Amino acid sequence: PMLSDEWQSNAAKVMRNPEILIHDRA
């Protein structure tokens, strides 16, 4: 909820090999 709407695309742009995962606490 604290991240911007574009956080995934912004992060992927600067990553070498974009692999994005979410840690589900529940």
PDB file of all heavy atoms in Angstrom:
ATOM      1  N   PRO A   1       0.803  -1.229   0.000  1.00  0.00           N
ATOM      2  CA  PRO A   1       0.000   0.000   0.000  1.00  0.00           C
ATOM      3  C   PRO A   1       0.840   1.286   0.000  1.00  0.00           C
ATOM      4  O   PRO A   1       0.352   2.337  -0.384  1.00  0.00           O
ATOM      5  CB  PRO A   1      -0.814  -0.096   1.297  1.00  0.00           C
ATOM      6  CG  PRO A   1      -0.813  -1.524   1.662  1.00  0.00           C
ATOM      7  CD  PRO A   1       0.482  -2.087   1.146  1.00  0.00           C
ATOM      8  N   MET A   2       2.094   1.182   0.396  1.00  0.00           N
ATOM      9  CA  MET A   2       2.956   2.369   0.472  1.00  0.00           C
ATOM     10  C   MET A   2       3.715   2.626  -0.822  1.00  0.00           C
ATOM     11  O   MET A   2       4.360   3.650  -0.969  1.00  0.00           O
ATOM     12  CB  MET A   2       3.945   2.211   1.631  1.00  0.00           C
ATOM     13  CG  MET A   2       3.267   2.161   2.978  1.00  0.00           C
ATOM     14  SD  MET A   2       4.422   1.826   4.301  1.00  0.00           S
ATOM     15  CE  MET A   2       4.290   0.042   4.394  1.00  0.00           C
ATOM     16  N   LEU A   3       3.642   1.701  -1.764  1.00  0.00           N
ATOM     17  CA  LEU A   3       4.368   1.852  -3.020  1.00  0.00           C
ATOM     18  C   LEU A   3       3.507   2.562  -4.055  1.00  0.00           C
ATOM     19  O   LEU A   3       2.283   2.482  -4.032  1.00  0.00           O
ATOM     20  CB  LEU A   3       4.784   0.478  -3.548  1.00  0.00           C
ATOM     21  CG  LEU A   3       5.791  -0.274  -2.687  1.00  0.00           C
ATOM     22  CD1 LEU A   3       5.967  -1.695  -3.200  1.00  0.00           C
ATOM     23  CD2 LEU A   3       7.125   0.444  -2.672  1.00  0.00           C
ATOM     24  N   SER A   4       4.172   3.214  -4.993  1.00  0.00           N
ATOM     25  CA  SER A   4       3.456   3.907  -6.063  1.00  0.00           C
ATOM     26  C   SER A   4       2.813   2.886  -6.997  1.00  0.00           C
ATOM     27  O   SER A   4       3.164   1.703  -6.990  1.00  0.00           O
ATOM     28  CB  SER A   4       4.421   4.792  -6.853  1.00  0.00           C
ATOM     29  OG  SER A   4       5.278   3.997  -7.643  1.00  0.00           O
ATOM     30  N   ASP A   5       1.901   3.347  -7.823  1.00  0.00           N
ATOM     31  CA  ASP A   5       1.234   2.468  -8.783  1.00  0.00           C
ATOM     32  C   ASP A   5       2.208   1.885  -9.800  1.00  0.00           C
ATOM     33  O   ASP A   5       1.977   0.806 -10.337  1.00  0.00           O
ATOM     34  CB  ASP A   5       0.130   3.227  -9.525  1.00  0.00           C
ATOM     35  CG  ASP A   5      -1.030   3.604  -8.623  1.00  0.00           C
ATOM     36  OD1 ASP A   5      -1.198   2.961  -7.569  1.00  0.00           O
ATOM     37  OD2 ASP A   5      -1.754   4.542  -8.975  1.00  0.00           O
ATOM     38  N   GLU A   6       3.303   2.568 -10.055  1.00  0.00           N
ATOM     39  CA  GLU A   6       4.269   2.141 -11.078  1.00  0.00           C
ATOM     40  C   GLU A   6       5.467   1.410 -10.500  1.00  0.00           C
ATOM     41  O   GLU A   6       6.469   1.227 -11.181  1.00  0.00           O
ATOM     42  CB  GLU A   6       4.782   3.362 -11.864  1.00  0.00           C
ATOM     43  CG  GLU A   6       3.724   4.228 -12.484  1.00  0.00           C
ATOM     44  CD  GLU A   6       3.187   5.272 -11.509  1.00  0.00           C
ATOM     45  OE1 GLU A   6       3.923   5.684 -10.600  1.00  0.00           O
ATOM     46  OE2 GLU A   6       2.017   5.637 -11.631  1.00  0.00           O
ATOM     47  N   TRP A   7       5.422   0.991  -9.252  1.00  0.00           N
ATOM     48  CA  TRP A   7       6.613   0.427  -8.613  1.00  0.00           C
ATOM     49  C   TRP A   7       7.169  -0.770  -9.369  1.00  0.00           C
ATOM     50  O   TRP A   7       8.391  -0.896  -9.504  1.00  0.00           O
ATOM     51  CB  TRP A   7       6.353   0.083  -7.149  1.00  0.00           C
ATOM     52  CG  TRP A   7       5.492  -1.125  -6.916  1.00  0.00           C
ATOM     53  CD1 TRP A   7       4.141  -1.155  -6.765  1.00  0.00           C
ATOM     54  CD2 TRP A   7       5.933  -2.477  -6.807  1.00  0.00           C
ATOM     55  NE1 TRP A   7       3.703  -2.442  -6.576  1.00  0.00           N
ATOM     56  CE2 TRP A   7       4.791  -3.278  -6.592  1.00  0.00           C
ATOM     57  CE3 TRP A   7       7.173  -3.108  -6.872  1.00  0.00           C
ATOM     58  CZ2 TRP A   7       4.856  -4.657  -6.443  1.00  0.00           C
ATOM     59  CZ3 TRP A   7       7.230  -4.482  -6.722  1.00  0.00           C
ATOM     60  CH2 TRP A   7       6.083  -5.233  -6.499  1.00  0.00           C
ATOM     61  N   GLN A   8       6.317  -1.631  -9.884  1.00  0.00           N
ATOM     62  CA  GLN A   8       6.817  -2.823 -10.587  1.00  0.00           C
ATOM     63  C   GLN A   8       7.559  -2.468 -11.871  1.00  0.00           C
ATOM     64  O   GLN A   8       8.650  -2.981 -12.118  1.00  0.00           O
ATOM     65  CB  GLN A   8       5.666  -3.772 -10.925  1.00  0.00           C
ATOM     66  CG  GLN A   8       5.115  -4.487  -9.725  1.00  0.00           C
ATOM     67  CD  GLN A   8       4.019  -5.446 -10.123  1.00  0.00           C
ATOM     68  OE1 GLN A   8       4.251  -6.358 -10.912  1.00  0.00           O
ATOM     69  NE2 GLN A   8       2.834  -5.240  -9.594  1.00  0.00           N
ATOM     70  N   SER A   9       6.979  -1.608 -12.667  1.00  0.00           N
ATOM     71  CA  SER A   9       7.640  -1.252 -13.931  1.00  0.00           C
ATOM     72  C   SER A   9       8.903  -0.444 -13.671  1.00  0.00           C
ATOM     73  O   SER A   9       9.906  -0.631 -14.363  1.00  0.00           O
ATOM     74  CB  SER A   9       6.689  -0.506 -14.856  1.00  0.00           C
ATOM     75  OG  SER A   9       6.248   0.697 -14.271  1.00  0.00           O
ATOM     76  N   ASN A  10       8.881   0.439 -12.678  1.00  0.00           N
ATOM     77  CA  ASN A  10      10.079   1.216 -12.346  1.00  0.00           C
ATOM     78  C   ASN A  10      11.207   0.314 -11.863  1.00  0.00           C
ATOM     79  O   ASN A  10      12.363   0.480 -12.258  1.00  0.00           O
ATOM     80  CB  ASN A  10       9.761   2.276 -11.285  1.00  0.00           C
ATOM     81  CG  ASN A  10       8.911   3.388 -11.821  1.00  0.00           C
ATOM     82  OD1 ASN A  10       8.831   3.616 -13.029  1.00  0.00           O
ATOM     83  ND2 ASN A  10       8.245   4.095 -10.931  1.00  0.00           N
ATOM     84  N   ALA A  11      10.887  -0.643 -11.009  1.00  0.00           N
ATOM     85  CA  ALA A  11      11.909  -1.564 -10.516  1.00  0.00           C
ATOM     86  C   ALA A  11      12.452  -2.418 -11.653  1.00  0.00           C
ATOM     87  O   ALA A  11      13.669  -2.594 -11.781  1.00  0.00           O
ATOM     88  CB  ALA A  11      11.335  -2.443  -9.418  1.00  0.00           C
ATOM     89  N   ALA A  12      11.567  -2.937 -12.492  1.00  0.00           N
ATOM     90  CA  ALA A  12      11.990  -3.804 -13.593  1.00  0.00           C
ATOM     91  C   ALA A  12      12.920  -3.089 -14.562  1.00  0.00           C
ATOM     92  O   ALA A  12      13.830  -3.706 -15.123  1.00  0.00           O
ATOM     93  CB  ALA A  12      10.768  -4.344 -14.328  1.00  0.00           C
ATOM     94  N   LYS A  13      12.724  -1.784 -14.754  1.00  0.00           N
ATOM     95  CA  LYS A  13      13.560  -1.013 -15.683  1.00  0.00           C
ATOM     96  C   LYS A  13      15.021  -1.000 -15.261  1.00  0.00           C
ATOM     97  O   LYS A  13      15.908  -0.932 -16.109  1.00  0.00           O
ATOM     98  CB  LYS A  13      13.056   0.429 -15.782  1.00  0.00           C
ATOM     99  CG  LYS A  13      11.790   0.584 -16.561  1.00  0.00           C
ATOM    100  CD  LYS A  13      11.355   2.031 -16.551  1.00  0.00           C
ATOM    101  CE  LYS A  13       9.950   2.183 -17.088  1.00  0.00           C
ATOM    102  NZ  LYS A  13       9.465   3.557 -16.944  1.00  0.00           N
ATOM    103  N   VAL A  14      15.300  -1.022 -13.959  1.00  0.00           N
ATOM    104  CA  VAL A  14      16.686  -0.905 -13.492  1.00  0.00           C
ATOM    105  C   VAL A  14      17.289  -2.251 -13.092  1.00  0.00           C
ATOM    106  O   VAL A  14      18.476  -2.341 -12.818  1.00  0.00           O
ATOM    107  CB  VAL A  14      16.811   0.099 -12.324  1.00  0.00           C
ATOM    108  CG1 VAL A  14      16.409   1.499 -12.770  1.00  0.00           C
ATOM    109  CG2 VAL A  14      16.007  -0.336 -11.121  1.00  0.00           C
ATOM    110  N   MET A  15      16.470  -3.303 -13.081  1.00  0.00           N
ATOM    111  CA  MET A  15      16.967  -4.623 -12.701  1.00  0.00           C
ATOM    112  C   MET A  15      17.677  -5.294 -13.872  1.00  0.00           C
ATOM    113  O   MET A  15      17.345  -5.065 -15.026  1.00  0.00           O
ATOM    114  CB  MET A  15      15.817  -5.504 -12.212  1.00  0.00           C
ATOM    115  CG  MET A  15      15.193  -5.028 -10.918  1.00  0.00           C
ATOM    116  SD  MET A  15      13.747  -5.992 -10.412  1.00  0.00           S
ATOM    117  CE  MET A  15      14.544  -7.516  -9.879  1.00  0.00           C
ATOM    118  N   ARG A  16      18.636  -6.131 -13.541  1.00  0.00           N
ATOM    119  CA  ARG A  16      19.381  -6.858 -14.575  1.00  0.00           C
ATOM    120  C   ARG A  16      18.491  -7.927 -15.208  1.00  0.00           C
ATOM    121  O   ARG A  16      18.388  -8.014 -16.422  1.00  0.00           O
ATOM    122  CB  ARG A  16      20.638  -7.480 -13.960  1.00  0.00           C
ATOM    123  CG  ARG A  16      21.515  -8.165 -14.943  1.00  0.00           C
ATOM    124  CD  ARG A  16      22.834  -8.627 -14.368  1.00  0.00           C
ATOM    125  NE  ARG A  16      22.677  -9.175 -13.030  1.00  0.00           N
ATOM    126  CZ  ARG A  16      23.626  -9.154 -12.099  1.00  0.00           C
ATOM    127  NH1 ARG A  16      24.789  -8.611 -12.374  1.00  0.00           N
ATOM    128  NH2 ARG A  16      23.425  -9.674 -10.918  1.00  0.00           N
ATOM    129  N   ASN A  17      17.901  -8.761 -14.399  1.00  0.00           N
ATOM    130  CA  ASN A  17      16.984  -9.812 -14.843  1.00  0.00           C
ATOM    131  C   ASN A  17      15.752  -9.733 -13.947  1.00  0.00           C
ATOM    132  O   ASN A  17      15.706 -10.382 -12.908  1.00  0.00           O
ATOM    133  CB  ASN A  17      17.617 -11.201 -14.709  1.00  0.00           C
ATOM    134  CG  ASN A  17      18.835 -11.354 -15.575  1.00  0.00           C
ATOM    135  OD1 ASN A  17      18.784 -11.095 -16.756  1.00  0.00           O
ATOM    136  ND2 ASN A  17      19.940 -11.760 -14.976  1.00  0.00           N
ATOM    137  N   PRO A  18      14.771  -8.932 -14.319  1.00  0.00           N
ATOM    138  CA  PRO A  18      13.654  -8.670 -13.406  1.00  0.00           C
ATOM    139  C   PRO A  18      12.834  -9.909 -13.037  1.00  0.00           C
ATOM    140  O   PRO A  18      12.142 -10.472 -13.865  1.00  0.00           O
ATOM    141  CB  PRO A  18      12.789  -7.662 -14.149  1.00  0.00           C
ATOM    142  CG  PRO A  18      13.434  -7.361 -15.426  1.00  0.00           C
ATOM    143  CD  PRO A  18      14.647  -8.212 -15.575  1.00  0.00           C
ATOM    144  N   GLU A  19      13.002 -10.328 -11.810  1.00  0.00           N
ATOM    145  CA  GLU A  19      12.185 -11.388 -11.213  1.00  0.00           C
ATOM    146  C   GLU A  19      11.615 -10.784  -9.936  1.00  0.00           C
ATOM    147  O   GLU A  19      12.340 -10.568  -8.962  1.00  0.00           O
ATOM    148  CB  GLU A  19      13.039 -12.611 -10.895  1.00  0.00           C
ATOM    149  CG  GLU A  19      12.287 -13.747 -10.249  1.00  0.00           C
ATOM    150  CD  GLU A  19      11.348 -14.455 -11.213  1.00  0.00           C
ATOM    151  OE1 GLU A  19      11.617 -14.457 -12.431  1.00  0.00           O
ATOM    152  OE2 GLU A  19      10.346 -15.013 -10.743  1.00  0.00           O
ATOM    153  N   ILE A  20      10.336 -10.466  -9.960  1.00  0.00           N
ATOM    154  CA  ILE A  20       9.693  -9.790  -8.829  1.00  0.00           C
ATOM    155  C   ILE A  20       8.746 -10.761  -8.143  1.00  0.00           C
ATOM    156  O   ILE A  20       7.915 -11.390  -8.796  1.00  0.00           O
ATOM    157  CB  ILE A  20       8.951  -8.525  -9.296  1.00  0.00           C
ATOM    158  CG1 ILE A  20       9.944  -7.549  -9.947  1.00  0.00           C
ATOM    159  CG2 ILE A  20       8.220  -7.867  -8.137  1.00  0.00           C
ATOM    160  CD1 ILE A  20       9.322  -6.323 -10.575  1.00  0.00           C
ATOM    161  N   LEU A  21       8.898 -10.873  -6.823  1.00  0.00           N
ATOM    162  CA  LEU A  21       8.077 -11.769  -6.023  1.00  0.00           C
ATOM    163  C   LEU A  21       7.500 -11.004  -4.837  1.00  0.00           C
ATOM    164  O   LEU A  21       8.120 -10.082  -4.323  1.00  0.00           O
ATOM    165  CB  LEU A  21       8.909 -12.942  -5.511  1.00  0.00           C
ATOM    166  CG  LEU A  21       9.593 -13.787  -6.582  1.00  0.00           C
ATOM    167  CD1 LEU A  21      10.599 -14.726  -5.951  1.00  0.00           C
ATOM    168  CD2 LEU A  21       8.571 -14.563  -7.381  1.00  0.00           C
ATOM    169  N   ILE A  22       6.320 -11.411  -4.412  1.00  0.00           N
ATOM    170  CA  ILE A  22       5.661 -10.816  -3.251  1.00  0.00           C
ATOM    171  C   ILE A  22       5.671 -11.845  -2.124  1.00  0.00           C
ATOM    172  O   ILE A  22       5.306 -13.007  -2.346  1.00  0.00           O
ATOM    173  CB  ILE A  22       4.190 -10.442  -3.575  1.00  0.00           C
ATOM    174  CG1 ILE A  22       4.096  -9.562  -4.808  1.00  0.00           C
ATOM    175  CG2 ILE A  22       3.512  -9.808  -2.363  1.00  0.00           C
ATOM    176  CD1 ILE A  22       4.711  -8.206  -4.669  1.00  0.00           C
ATOM    177  N   HIS A  23       6.088 -11.417  -0.936  1.00  0.00           N
ATOM    178  CA  HIS A  23       6.026 -12.302   0.225  1.00  0.00           C
ATOM    179  C   HIS A  23       4.649 -12.160   0.855  1.00  0.00           C
ATOM    180  O   HIS A  23       4.279 -11.100   1.342  1.00  0.00           O
ATOM    181  CB  HIS A  23       7.101 -11.950   1.252  1.00  0.00           C
ATOM    182  CG  HIS A  23       6.986 -12.773   2.492  1.00  0.00           C
ATOM    183  ND1 HIS A  23       6.485 -12.272   3.662  1.00  0.00           N
ATOM    184  CD2 HIS A  23       7.272 -14.064   2.717  1.00  0.00           C
ATOM    185  CE1 HIS A  23       6.480 -13.226   4.572  1.00  0.00           C
ATOM    186  NE2 HIS A  23       6.949 -14.324   4.026  1.00  0.00           N
ATOM    187  N   ASP A  24       3.870 -13.223   0.825  1.00  0.00           N
ATOM    188  CA  ASP A  24       2.531 -13.264   1.407  1.00  0.00           C
ATOM    189  C   ASP A  24       2.679 -13.655   2.872  1.00  0.00           C
ATOM    190  O   ASP A  24       2.986 -14.805   3.190  1.00  0.00           O
ATOM    191  CB  ASP A  24       1.686 -14.290   0.646  1.00  0.00           C
ATOM    192  CG  ASP A  24       0.237 -14.321   1.081  1.00  0.00           C
ATOM    193  OD1 ASP A  24      -0.035 -14.134   2.289  1.00  0.00           O
ATOM    194  OD2 ASP A  24      -0.618 -14.543   0.218  1.00  0.00           O
ATOM    195  N   ARG A  25       2.469 -12.682   3.767  1.00  0.00           N
ATOM    196  CA  ARG A  25       2.658 -12.945   5.198  1.00  0.00           C
ATOM    197  C   ARG A  25       1.673 -13.974   5.735  1.00  0.00           C
ATOM    198  O   ARG A  25       2.023 -14.782   6.591  1.00  0.00           O
ATOM    199  CB  ARG A  25       2.492 -11.652   5.992  1.00  0.00           C
ATOM    200  CG  ARG A  25       3.655 -10.717   5.871  1.00  0.00           C
ATOM    201  CD  ARG A  25       3.446  -9.546   6.810  1.00  0.00           C
ATOM    202  NE  ARG A  25       4.575  -8.641   6.754  1.00  0.00           N
ATOM    203  CZ  ARG A  25       4.858  -7.797   7.729  1.00  0.00           C
ATOM    204  NH1 ARG A  25       4.099  -7.720   8.800  1.00  0.00           N
ATOM    205  NH2 ARG A  25       5.898  -7.004   7.624  1.00  0.00           N
ATOM    206  N   ALA A  26       0.439 -13.938   5.266  1.00  0.00           N
ATOM    207  CA  ALA A  26      -0.592 -14.839   5.782  1.00  0.00           C
ATOM    208  C   ALA A  26      -0.276 -16.299   5.451  1.00  0.00           C
ATOM    209  O   ALA A  26      -0.473 -17.181   6.284  1.00  0.00           O
ATOM    210  CB  ALA A  26      -1.953 -14.456   5.231  1.00  0.00           C
TER     211      ALA A  26
END
